[in-house]
Every structure is written in structure tokens, then in C-alpha cells.
Amino acid sequence: MPCREVLLKALIDLGIDESLIVDDARLFGDLKIDSTEAVEVALSLKKASGVSVALNSKSDPRIVDICAIVDAALMREATPQRSVS
């Protein structure tokens, strides 16, 4: 499931109005989630993608930033590592 869909479902499950969940929305500042809810969102992402994402109020990430982090991690995992001899 794409990151955006996972975030959308997790945030709606927390009671966030779907119309507020836009790419530039900040989790803490705009969507008003608390630290416990951030952990729930992070666990949803981990379960769906296998990627751990630290979500904290200090960085207050946007939806688009979170998906960029998850997508980059998945790309690194999918790219074969070349050994240097």
C-alpha cells in the first residue's frame, strides 16, 4: 500500500477529518496530533512498509516529507549493493 494511503487511513482512524489531510499538512501543527497518536501513525507505516520513521513535534513533518522518507528507504532497500574490491 502506498505511503500516502497508509497515512490517510491511520490519520482518519485517529479521527482527523480527511479534508485536512493534504500533502503540505504538518502532523502536529496542522493536524493537531499528539505524541501518542504519532507513535500509532509511525507503527502503521512500519507495519505497512517495514520502514521506521521518527515522528516528533520538533521537526513537525509534512505528509509529503514523511512519504519521501519512506520512499527513499524503500528505494535503498531495493537497490542492490555493489561491493568494492
PDB file of N, CA and C in Angstrom:
ATOM      1  N   MET A   1       0.856  -1.170   0.000  1.00  0.00           N
ATOM      2  CA  MET A   1       0.000   0.000   0.000  1.00  0.00           C
ATOM      3  C   MET A   1       0.906   1.240   0.000  1.00  0.00           C
ATOM      4  N   PRO A   2       0.639   2.189  -0.885  1.00  0.00           N
ATOM      5  CA  PRO A   2       1.454   3.413  -0.926  1.00  0.00           C
ATOM      6  C   PRO A   2       1.419   4.182   0.401  1.00  0.00           C
ATOM      7  N   CYS A   3       2.514   4.854   0.678  1.00  0.00           N
ATOM      8  CA  CYS A   3       2.672   5.599   1.932  1.00  0.00           C
ATOM      9  C   CYS A   3       1.507   6.554   2.181  1.00  0.00           C
ATOM     10  N   ARG A   4       1.110   7.296   1.168  1.00  0.00           N
ATOM     11  CA  ARG A   4       0.038   8.293   1.335  1.00  0.00           C
ATOM     12  C   ARG A   4      -1.247   7.617   1.799  1.00  0.00           C
ATOM     13  N   GLU A   5      -1.544   6.447   1.246  1.00  0.00           N
ATOM     14  CA  GLU A   5      -2.755   5.720   1.637  1.00  0.00           C
ATOM     15  C   GLU A   5      -2.655   5.230   3.084  1.00  0.00           C
ATOM     16  N   VAL A   6      -1.483   4.761   3.474  1.00  0.00           N
ATOM     17  CA  VAL A   6      -1.276   4.300   4.850  1.00  0.00           C
ATOM     18  C   VAL A   6      -1.473   5.465   5.816  1.00  0.00           C
ATOM     19  N   LEU A   7      -0.857   6.614   5.492  1.00  0.00           N
ATOM     20  CA  LEU A   7      -1.012   7.798   6.342  1.00  0.00           C
ATOM     21  C   LEU A   7      -2.465   8.239   6.411  1.00  0.00           C
ATOM     22  N   LEU A   8      -3.119   8.269   5.272  1.00  0.00           N
ATOM     23  CA  LEU A   8      -4.522   8.695   5.220  1.00  0.00           C
ATOM     24  C   LEU A   8      -5.375   7.814   6.128  1.00  0.00           C
ATOM     25  N   LYS A   9      -5.221   6.506   5.991  1.00  0.00           N
ATOM     26  CA  LYS A   9      -6.016   5.589   6.811  1.00  0.00           C
ATOM     27  C   LYS A   9      -5.694   5.751   8.298  1.00  0.00           C
ATOM     28  N   ALA A  10      -4.414   5.832   8.630  1.00  0.00           N
ATOM     29  CA  ALA A  10      -4.016   5.960  10.037  1.00  0.00           C
ATOM     30  C   ALA A  10      -4.563   7.243  10.647  1.00  0.00           C
ATOM     31  N   LEU A  11      -4.494   8.333   9.911  1.00  0.00           N
ATOM     32  CA  LEU A  11      -4.967   9.618  10.434  1.00  0.00           C
ATOM     33  C   LEU A  11      -6.488   9.670  10.534  1.00  0.00           C
ATOM     34  N   ILE A  12      -7.171   9.103   9.561  1.00  0.00           N
ATOM     35  CA  ILE A  12      -8.640   9.039   9.631  1.00  0.00           C
ATOM     36  C   ILE A  12      -9.064   8.180  10.815  1.00  0.00           C
ATOM     37  N   ASP A  13      -8.342   7.067  11.033  1.00  0.00           N
ATOM     38  CA  ASP A  13      -8.638   6.202  12.185  1.00  0.00           C
ATOM     39  C   ASP A  13      -8.473   6.947  13.509  1.00  0.00           C
ATOM     40  N   LEU A  14      -7.622   7.976  13.514  1.00  0.00           N
ATOM     41  CA  LEU A  14      -7.419   8.787  14.716  1.00  0.00           C
ATOM     42  C   LEU A  14      -8.477   9.889  14.851  1.00  0.00           C
ATOM     43  N   GLY A  15      -9.342   9.990  13.857  1.00  0.00           N
ATOM     44  CA  GLY A  15     -10.402  10.989  13.925  1.00  0.00           C
ATOM     45  C   GLY A  15     -10.102  12.287  13.203  1.00  0.00           C
ATOM     46  N   ILE A  16      -9.023  12.312  12.424  1.00  0.00           N
ATOM     47  CA  ILE A  16      -8.673  13.510  11.663  1.00  0.00           C
ATOM     48  C   ILE A  16      -9.580  13.595  10.442  1.00  0.00           C
ATOM     49  N   ASP A  17     -10.139  14.761  10.201  1.00  0.00           N
ATOM     50  CA  ASP A  17     -11.003  14.994   9.044  1.00  0.00           C
ATOM     51  C   ASP A  17     -10.197  14.811   7.761  1.00  0.00           C
ATOM     52  N   GLU A  18     -10.676  13.970   6.868  1.00  0.00           N
ATOM     53  CA  GLU A  18      -9.963  13.653   5.634  1.00  0.00           C
ATOM     54  C   GLU A  18      -9.640  14.906   4.814  1.00  0.00           C
ATOM     55  N   SER A  19     -10.499  15.895   4.855  1.00  0.00           N
ATOM     56  CA  SER A  19     -10.260  17.105   4.057  1.00  0.00           C
ATOM     57  C   SER A  19      -9.041  17.890   4.541  1.00  0.00           C
ATOM     58  N   LEU A  20      -8.594  17.642   5.761  1.00  0.00           N
ATOM     59  CA  LEU A  20      -7.418  18.330   6.305  1.00  0.00           C
ATOM     60  C   LEU A  20      -6.112  17.633   5.938  1.00  0.00           C
ATOM     61  N   ILE A  21      -6.212  16.379   5.478  1.00  0.00           N
ATOM     62  CA  ILE A  21      -5.024  15.574   5.224  1.00  0.00           C
ATOM     63  C   ILE A  21      -4.554  15.810   3.792  1.00  0.00           C
ATOM     64  N   VAL A  22      -3.768  16.872   3.639  1.00  0.00           N
ATOM     65  CA  VAL A  22      -3.213  17.251   2.339  1.00  0.00           C
ATOM     66  C   VAL A  22      -1.692  17.117   2.412  1.00  0.00           C
ATOM     67  N   ASP A  23      -1.040  17.078   1.265  1.00  0.00           N
ATOM     68  CA  ASP A  23       0.405  16.842   1.222  1.00  0.00           C
ATOM     69  C   ASP A  23       1.207  17.804   2.086  1.00  0.00           C
ATOM     70  N   ASP A  24       0.816  19.068   2.139  1.00  0.00           N
ATOM     71  CA  ASP A  24       1.573  20.065   2.902  1.00  0.00           C
ATOM     72  C   ASP A  24       1.153  20.175   4.366  1.00  0.00           C
ATOM     73  N   ALA A  25       0.209  19.349   4.799  1.00  0.00           N
ATOM     74  CA  ALA A  25      -0.246  19.400   6.202  1.00  0.00           C
ATOM     75  C   ALA A  25       0.846  18.886   7.126  1.00  0.00           C
ATOM     76  N   ARG A  26       1.101  19.630   8.185  1.00  0.00           N
ATOM     77  CA  ARG A  26       2.065  19.211   9.209  1.00  0.00           C
ATOM     78  C   ARG A  26       1.307  18.411  10.268  1.00  0.00           C
ATOM     79  N   LEU A  27       1.905  17.295  10.690  1.00  0.00           N
ATOM     80  CA  LEU A  27       1.227  16.390  11.617  1.00  0.00           C
ATOM     81  C   LEU A  27       0.804  17.066  12.914  1.00  0.00           C
ATOM     82  N   PHE A  28       1.716  17.791  13.516  1.00  0.00           N
ATOM     83  CA  PHE A  28       1.425  18.373  14.824  1.00  0.00           C
ATOM     84  C   PHE A  28       0.784  19.756  14.700  1.00  0.00           C
ATOM     85  N   GLY A  29       1.353  20.602  13.856  1.00  0.00           N
ATOM     86  CA  GLY A  29       0.857  21.968  13.730  1.00  0.00           C
ATOM     87  C   GLY A  29      -0.499  22.073  13.062  1.00  0.00           C
ATOM     88  N   ASP A  30      -0.688  21.349  11.961  1.00  0.00           N
ATOM     89  CA  ASP A  30      -1.937  21.451  11.200  1.00  0.00           C
ATOM     90  C   ASP A  30      -2.987  20.417  11.616  1.00  0.00           C
ATOM     91  N   LEU A  31      -2.531  19.179  11.807  1.00  0.00           N
ATOM     92  CA  LEU A  31      -3.477  18.102  12.104  1.00  0.00           C
ATOM     93  C   LEU A  31      -3.688  17.889  13.597  1.00  0.00           C
ATOM     94  N   LYS A  32      -2.870  18.555  14.395  1.00  0.00           N
ATOM     95  CA  LYS A  32      -3.032  18.571  15.860  1.00  0.00           C
ATOM     96  C   LYS A  32      -2.963  17.186  16.505  1.00  0.00           C
ATOM     97  N   ILE A  33      -2.093  16.309  15.967  1.00  0.00           N
ATOM     98  CA  ILE A  33      -1.944  15.019  16.629  1.00  0.00           C
ATOM     99  C   ILE A  33      -1.014  15.187  17.825  1.00  0.00           C
ATOM    100  N   ASP A  34      -1.119  14.279  18.785  1.00  0.00           N
ATOM    101  CA  ASP A  34      -0.228  14.324  19.945  1.00  0.00           C
ATOM    102  C   ASP A  34       0.831  13.224  19.791  1.00  0.00           C
ATOM    103  N   SER A  35       1.725  13.131  20.760  1.00  0.00           N
ATOM    104  CA  SER A  35       2.837  12.187  20.645  1.00  0.00           C
ATOM    105  C   SER A  35       2.384  10.730  20.629  1.00  0.00           C
ATOM    106  N   THR A  36       1.341  10.418  21.359  1.00  0.00           N
ATOM    107  CA  THR A  36       0.815   9.051  21.361  1.00  0.00           C
ATOM    108  C   THR A  36       0.248   8.699  19.988  1.00  0.00           C
ATOM    109  N   GLU A  37      -0.458   9.630  19.398  1.00  0.00           N
ATOM    110  CA  GLU A  37      -1.005   9.412  18.053  1.00  0.00           C
ATOM    111  C   GLU A  37       0.113   9.314  17.019  1.00  0.00           C
ATOM    112  N   ALA A  38       1.192  10.069  17.216  1.00  0.00           N
ATOM    113  CA  ALA A  38       2.336   9.998  16.304  1.00  0.00           C
ATOM    114  C   ALA A  38       2.942   8.596  16.333  1.00  0.00           C
ATOM    115  N   VAL A  39       2.999   8.000  17.509  1.00  0.00           N
ATOM    116  CA  VAL A  39       3.516   6.632  17.629  1.00  0.00           C
ATOM    117  C   VAL A  39       2.605   5.675  16.857  1.00  0.00           C
ATOM    118  N   GLU A  40       1.301   5.846  16.973  1.00  0.00           N
ATOM    119  CA  GLU A  40       0.359   4.997  16.241  1.00  0.00           C
ATOM    120  C   GLU A  40       0.551   5.128  14.736  1.00  0.00           C
ATOM    121  N   VAL A  41       0.754   6.355  14.258  1.00  0.00           N
ATOM    122  CA  VAL A  41       0.976   6.585  12.829  1.00  0.00           C
ATOM    123  C   VAL A  41       2.289   5.924  12.400  1.00  0.00           C
ATOM    124  N   ALA A  42       3.336   6.107  13.188  1.00  0.00           N
ATOM    125  CA  ALA A  42       4.635   5.509  12.869  1.00  0.00           C
ATOM    126  C   ALA A  42       4.543   3.984  12.832  1.00  0.00           C
ATOM    127  N   LEU A  43       3.789   3.402  13.762  1.00  0.00           N
ATOM    128  CA  LEU A  43       3.614   1.943  13.764  1.00  0.00           C
ATOM    129  C   LEU A  43       2.845   1.469  12.535  1.00  0.00           C
ATOM    130  N   SER A  44       1.876   2.234  12.102  1.00  0.00           N
ATOM    131  CA  SER A  44       1.136   1.900  10.876  1.00  0.00           C
ATOM    132  C   SER A  44       2.070   1.891   9.671  1.00  0.00           C
ATOM    133  N   LEU A  45       2.942   2.897   9.596  1.00  0.00           N
ATOM    134  CA  LEU A  45       3.914   2.954   8.500  1.00  0.00           C
ATOM    135  C   LEU A  45       4.877   1.779   8.561  1.00  0.00           C
ATOM    136  N   LYS A  46       5.362   1.462   9.761  1.00  0.00           N
ATOM    137  CA  LYS A  46       6.298   0.346   9.937  1.00  0.00           C
ATOM    138  C   LYS A  46       5.653  -0.973   9.518  1.00  0.00           C
ATOM    139  N   LYS A  47       4.407  -1.164   9.936  1.00  0.00           N
ATOM    140  CA  LYS A  47       3.695  -2.399   9.604  1.00  0.00           C
ATOM    141  C   LYS A  47       3.470  -2.532   8.097  1.00  0.00           C
ATOM    142  N   ALA A  48       3.124  -1.433   7.447  1.00  0.00           N
ATOM    143  CA  ALA A  48       2.804  -1.479   6.018  1.00  0.00           C
ATOM    144  C   ALA A  48       4.040  -1.513   5.123  1.00  0.00           C
ATOM    145  N   SER A  49       5.123  -0.851   5.547  1.00  0.00           N
ATOM    146  CA  SER A  49       6.272  -0.706   4.653  1.00  0.00           C
ATOM    147  C   SER A  49       7.561  -1.324   5.191  1.00  0.00           C
ATOM    148  N   GLY A  50       7.597  -1.569   6.496  1.00  0.00           N
ATOM    149  CA  GLY A  50       8.825  -2.064   7.095  1.00  0.00           C
ATOM    150  C   GLY A  50       9.812  -0.957   7.416  1.00  0.00           C
ATOM    151  N   VAL A  51       9.412   0.287   7.195  1.00  0.00           N
ATOM    152  CA  VAL A  51      10.296   1.434   7.418  1.00  0.00           C
ATOM    153  C   VAL A  51       9.923   2.119   8.727  1.00  0.00           C
ATOM    154  N   SER A  52      10.928   2.344   9.562  1.00  0.00           N
ATOM    155  CA  SER A  52      10.716   3.079  10.816  1.00  0.00           C
ATOM    156  C   SER A  52      10.922   4.570  10.550  1.00  0.00           C
ATOM    157  N   VAL A  53       9.953   5.361  10.973  1.00  0.00           N
ATOM    158  CA  VAL A  53      10.024   6.805  10.794  1.00  0.00           C
ATOM    159  C   VAL A  53       9.810   7.461  12.149  1.00  0.00           C
ATOM    160  N   ALA A  54      10.740   8.331  12.527  1.00  0.00           N
ATOM    161  CA  ALA A  54      10.597   9.075  13.781  1.00  0.00           C
ATOM    162  C   ALA A  54       9.719  10.296  13.519  1.00  0.00           C
ATOM    163  N   LEU A  55       8.587  10.352  14.183  1.00  0.00           N
ATOM    164  CA  LEU A  55       7.660  11.475  14.029  1.00  0.00           C
ATOM    165  C   LEU A  55       7.632  12.235  15.342  1.00  0.00           C
ATOM    166  N   ASN A  56       8.151  13.460  15.329  1.00  0.00           N
ATOM    167  CA  ASN A  56       8.154  14.233  16.569  1.00  0.00           C
ATOM    168  C   ASN A  56       7.741  15.669  16.302  1.00  0.00           C
ATOM    169  N   SER A  57       7.288  16.315  17.352  1.00  0.00           N
ATOM    170  CA  SER A  57       6.755  17.668  17.213  1.00  0.00           C
ATOM    171  C   SER A  57       7.842  18.686  16.894  1.00  0.00           C
ATOM    172  N   LYS A  58       9.081  18.385  17.238  1.00  0.00           N
ATOM    173  CA  LYS A  58      10.166  19.324  16.957  1.00  0.00           C
ATOM    174  C   LYS A  58      10.366  19.505  15.457  1.00  0.00           C
ATOM    175  N   SER A  59      10.358  18.400  14.712  1.00  0.00           N
ATOM    176  CA  SER A  59      10.525  18.503  13.251  1.00  0.00           C
ATOM    177  C   SER A  59       9.188  18.744  12.555  1.00  0.00           C
ATOM    178  N   ASP A  60       8.091  18.358  13.187  1.00  0.00           N
ATOM    179  CA  ASP A  60       6.730  18.527  12.666  1.00  0.00           C
ATOM    180  C   ASP A  60       6.659  18.293  11.154  1.00  0.00           C
ATOM    181  N   PRO A  61       6.883  17.042  10.733  1.00  0.00           N
ATOM    182  CA  PRO A  61       6.950  16.756   9.296  1.00  0.00           C
ATOM    183  C   PRO A  61       5.604  16.914   8.582  1.00  0.00           C
ATOM    184  N   ARG A  62       5.713  17.241   7.301  1.00  0.00           N
ATOM    185  CA  ARG A  62       4.532  17.294   6.444  1.00  0.00           C
ATOM    186  C   ARG A  62       4.274  15.889   5.898  1.00  0.00           C
ATOM    187  N   ILE A  63       3.057  15.658   5.446  1.00  0.00           N
ATOM    188  CA  ILE A  63       2.699  14.366   4.844  1.00  0.00           C
ATOM    189  C   ILE A  63       3.679  14.030   3.720  1.00  0.00           C
ATOM    190  N   VAL A  64       3.929  14.983   2.846  1.00  0.00           N
ATOM    191  CA  VAL A  64       4.813  14.763   1.702  1.00  0.00           C
ATOM    192  C   VAL A  64       6.236  14.418   2.154  1.00  0.00           C
ATOM    193  N   ASP A  65       6.701  15.011   3.253  1.00  0.00           N
ATOM    194  CA  ASP A  65       8.043  14.715   3.772  1.00  0.00           C
ATOM    195  C   ASP A  65       8.129  13.281   4.294  1.00  0.00           C
ATOM    196  N   ILE A  66       7.099  12.862   4.989  1.00  0.00           N
ATOM    197  CA  ILE A  66       7.070  11.506   5.541  1.00  0.00           C
ATOM    198  C   ILE A  66       7.119  10.488   4.411  1.00  0.00           C
ATOM    199  N   CYS A  67       6.323  10.706   3.383  1.00  0.00           N
ATOM    200  CA  CYS A  67       6.304   9.776   2.248  1.00  0.00           C
ATOM    201  C   CYS A  67       7.639   9.777   1.510  1.00  0.00           C
ATOM    202  N   ALA A  68       8.290  10.919   1.425  1.00  0.00           N
ATOM    203  CA  ALA A  68       9.607  10.982   0.783  1.00  0.00           C
ATOM    204  C   ALA A  68      10.618  10.149   1.565  1.00  0.00           C
ATOM    205  N   ILE A  69      10.564  10.211   2.891  1.00  0.00           N
ATOM    206  CA  ILE A  69      11.462   9.417   3.738  1.00  0.00           C
ATOM    207  C   ILE A  69      11.208   7.930   3.535  1.00  0.00           C
ATOM    208  N   VAL A  70       9.940   7.535   3.559  1.00  0.00           N
ATOM    209  CA  VAL A  70       9.583   6.121   3.385  1.00  0.00           C
ATOM    210  C   VAL A  70       9.994   5.646   1.990  1.00  0.00           C
ATOM    211  N   ASP A  71       9.674   6.427   0.961  1.00  0.00           N
ATOM    212  CA  ASP A  71      10.016   6.035  -0.414  1.00  0.00           C
ATOM    213  C   ASP A  71      11.524   5.908  -0.605  1.00  0.00           C
ATOM    214  N   ALA A  72      12.293   6.837  -0.027  1.00  0.00           N
ATOM    215  CA  ALA A  72      13.754   6.777  -0.142  1.00  0.00           C
ATOM    216  C   ALA A  72      14.298   5.527   0.550  1.00  0.00           C
ATOM    217  N   ALA A  73      13.764   5.198   1.708  1.00  0.00           N
ATOM    218  CA  ALA A  73      14.208   3.997   2.425  1.00  0.00           C
ATOM    219  C   ALA A  73      13.898   2.740   1.629  1.00  0.00           C
ATOM    220  N   LEU A  74      12.728   2.706   1.034  1.00  0.00           N
ATOM    221  CA  LEU A  74      12.353   1.543   0.230  1.00  0.00           C
ATOM    222  C   LEU A  74      13.228   1.429  -1.015  1.00  0.00           C
ATOM    223  N   MET A  75      13.592   2.558  -1.605  1.00  0.00           N
ATOM    224  CA  MET A  75      14.469   2.538  -2.783  1.00  0.00           C
ATOM    225  C   MET A  75      15.861   2.018  -2.409  1.00  0.00           C
ATOM    226  N   ARG A  76      16.368   2.449  -1.242  1.00  0.00           N
ATOM    227  CA  ARG A  76      17.686   1.973  -0.793  1.00  0.00           C
ATOM    228  C   ARG A  76      17.665   0.460  -0.603  1.00  0.00           C
ATOM    229  N   GLU A  77      16.566  -0.047  -0.040  1.00  0.00           N
ATOM    230  CA  GLU A  77      16.453  -1.490   0.189  1.00  0.00           C
ATOM    231  C   GLU A  77      16.360  -2.256  -1.122  1.00  0.00           C
ATOM    232  N   ALA A  78      15.746  -1.651  -2.133  1.00  0.00           N
ATOM    233  CA  ALA A  78      15.545  -2.335  -3.407  1.00  0.00           C
ATOM    234  C   ALA A  78      16.765  -2.257  -4.316  1.00  0.00           C
ATOM    235  N   THR A  79      17.683  -1.344  -4.045  1.00  0.00           N
ATOM    236  CA  THR A  79      18.861  -1.168  -4.873  1.00  0.00           C
ATOM    237  C   THR A  79      19.943  -2.127  -4.429  1.00  0.00           C
ATOM    238  N   PRO A  80      20.402  -2.984  -5.346  1.00  0.00           N
ATOM    239  CA  PRO A  80      21.469  -3.920  -4.972  1.00  0.00           C
ATOM    240  C   PRO A  80      22.732  -3.174  -4.609  1.00  0.00           C
ATOM    241  N   GLN A  81      23.387  -3.628  -3.560  1.00  0.00           N
ATOM    242  CA  GLN A  81      24.630  -3.017  -3.112  1.00  0.00           C
ATOM    243  C   GLN A  81      25.786  -3.615  -3.908  1.00  0.00           C
ATOM    244  N   ARG A  82      26.649  -2.735  -4.398  1.00  0.00           N
ATOM    245  CA  ARG A  82      27.826  -3.205  -5.118  1.00  0.00           C
ATOM    246  C   ARG A  82      28.988  -3.267  -4.142  1.00  0.00           C
ATOM    247  N   SER A  83      29.698  -4.343  -4.216  1.00  0.00           N
ATOM    248  CA  SER A  83      30.883  -4.429  -3.354  1.00  0.00           C
ATOM    249  C   SER A  83      32.085  -3.890  -4.114  1.00  0.00           C
ATOM    250  N   VAL A  84      32.949  -3.231  -3.386  1.00  0.00           N
ATOM    251  CA  VAL A  84      34.145  -2.653  -3.975  1.00  0.00           C
ATOM    252  C   VAL A  84      35.311  -3.547  -3.597  1.00  0.00           C
ATOM    253  N   SER A  85      36.066  -3.959  -4.639  1.00  0.00           N
ATOM    254  CA  SER A  85      37.211  -4.821  -4.330  1.00  0.00           C
ATOM    255  C   SER A  85      38.510  -4.154  -4.672  1.00  0.00           C
TER     256      SER A  85
END
